[in-house]
Amino acid sequence: MCLGIPGQVVEVLDGYEGQLALVDVEGMARKINIGLLDGDSLEPGDWILIHMGMALEKVGAEAAAAARSGLELLGRGVEEP
């Protein structure tokens, strides 16, 4: 299992043979490799799931929100009685 971090595409960067995009990840702009998304055209506002700097999947806003919620739950850890 891998964790997919949701990010929102800001722009597909010129050059790099269309393989890099600037993506907003929790308010931070990151350069993400989108080369694995064969055939999925990306536009500003699209959501992707990211693992280790690579876009794994284009998703809708609801799926991105669900992924973010799951990550928040993982970050809370187990509460001790």
Protein backbone atom coordinates (compact mmCIF):
# COMPACT_ATOMS: atom_id res chain seq x y z
CA MET A 1 0.00 0.00 0.00
CA CYS A 2 1.20 3.49 -0.73
CA LEU A 3 -0.05 6.82 0.48
CA GLY A 4 -1.35 9.22 -2.12
CA ILE A 5 -1.04 12.87 -1.19
CA PRO A 6 -3.65 15.04 -2.94
CA GLY A 7 -2.50 18.12 -4.82
CA GLN A 8 -4.14 20.61 -7.16
CA VAL A 9 -2.49 21.44 -10.47
CA VAL A 10 -1.47 25.08 -10.84
CA GLU A 11 0.13 24.73 -14.28
CA VAL A 12 1.84 22.23 -16.54
CA LEU A 13 5.38 23.57 -16.93
CA ASP A 14 6.81 24.43 -20.34
CA GLY A 15 9.65 22.24 -21.47
CA TYR A 16 10.42 18.98 -19.72
CA GLU A 17 8.51 17.25 -22.56
CA GLY A 18 5.24 17.88 -20.68
CA GLN A 19 6.40 15.75 -17.75
CA LEU A 20 6.40 18.34 -14.93
CA ALA A 21 3.61 20.33 -13.34
CA LEU A 22 3.52 22.92 -10.60
CA VAL A 23 1.11 21.56 -7.99
CA ASP A 24 -0.34 23.11 -4.82
CA VAL A 25 0.13 20.62 -1.97
CA GLU A 26 -1.37 21.99 1.23
CA GLY A 27 -0.46 25.57 0.26
CA MET A 28 3.09 24.78 -0.94
CA ALA A 29 3.99 24.86 -4.63
CA ARG A 30 5.80 21.66 -5.67
CA LYS A 31 7.19 20.46 -8.98
CA ILE A 32 5.63 17.04 -9.59
CA ASN A 33 6.48 14.52 -12.31
CA ILE A 34 3.30 13.76 -14.25
CA GLY A 35 4.90 11.38 -16.75
CA LEU A 36 3.04 8.33 -15.40
CA LEU A 37 -0.33 9.84 -16.30
CA ASP A 38 -0.28 8.64 -19.90
CA GLY A 39 -3.17 10.11 -21.81
CA ASP A 40 -4.58 12.07 -18.85
CA SER A 41 -4.39 15.70 -19.89
CA LEU A 42 -4.03 18.00 -16.89
CA GLU A 43 -5.27 21.54 -16.59
CA PRO A 44 -5.10 24.07 -13.77
CA GLY A 45 -7.57 23.10 -11.06
CA ASP A 46 -7.31 19.33 -11.67
CA TRP A 47 -6.56 17.12 -8.67
CA ILE A 48 -3.93 14.38 -8.59
CA LEU A 49 -2.65 11.87 -6.06
CA ILE A 50 1.11 12.05 -5.50
CA HIS A 51 3.58 9.52 -4.13
CA MET A 52 7.31 10.30 -3.84
CA GLY A 53 7.10 13.22 -6.26
CA MET A 54 5.23 11.28 -8.94
CA ALA A 55 1.59 11.80 -9.92
CA LEU A 56 -0.08 8.39 -9.75
CA GLU A 57 -3.66 9.21 -10.61
CA LYS A 58 -5.93 12.05 -11.69
CA VAL A 59 -8.89 12.23 -9.30
CA GLY A 60 -11.94 14.37 -8.65
CA ALA A 61 -12.26 16.92 -5.86
CA GLU A 62 -14.26 14.50 -3.69
CA ALA A 63 -11.60 11.77 -3.94
CA ALA A 64 -8.89 14.33 -3.12
CA ALA A 65 -10.84 15.45 -0.02
CA ALA A 66 -11.29 11.81 1.06
CA ALA A 67 -7.55 11.18 0.68
CA ARG A 68 -6.77 14.29 2.74
CA SER A 69 -9.21 13.17 5.46
CA GLY A 70 -7.58 9.75 5.59
CA LEU A 71 -4.13 11.28 5.95
CA GLU A 72 -5.39 13.52 8.76
CA LEU A 73 -6.73 10.46 10.59
CA LEU A 74 -3.37 8.70 10.24
CA GLY A 75 -1.61 11.73 11.65
CA ARG A 76 -3.71 11.71 14.81
CA GLY A 77 -2.36 8.37 15.95
CA VAL A 78 -3.89 6.24 18.66
CA GLU A 79 -5.28 7.96 21.72
CA GLU A 80 -4.15 6.46 25.02
CA PRO A 81 -6.86 5.81 27.64
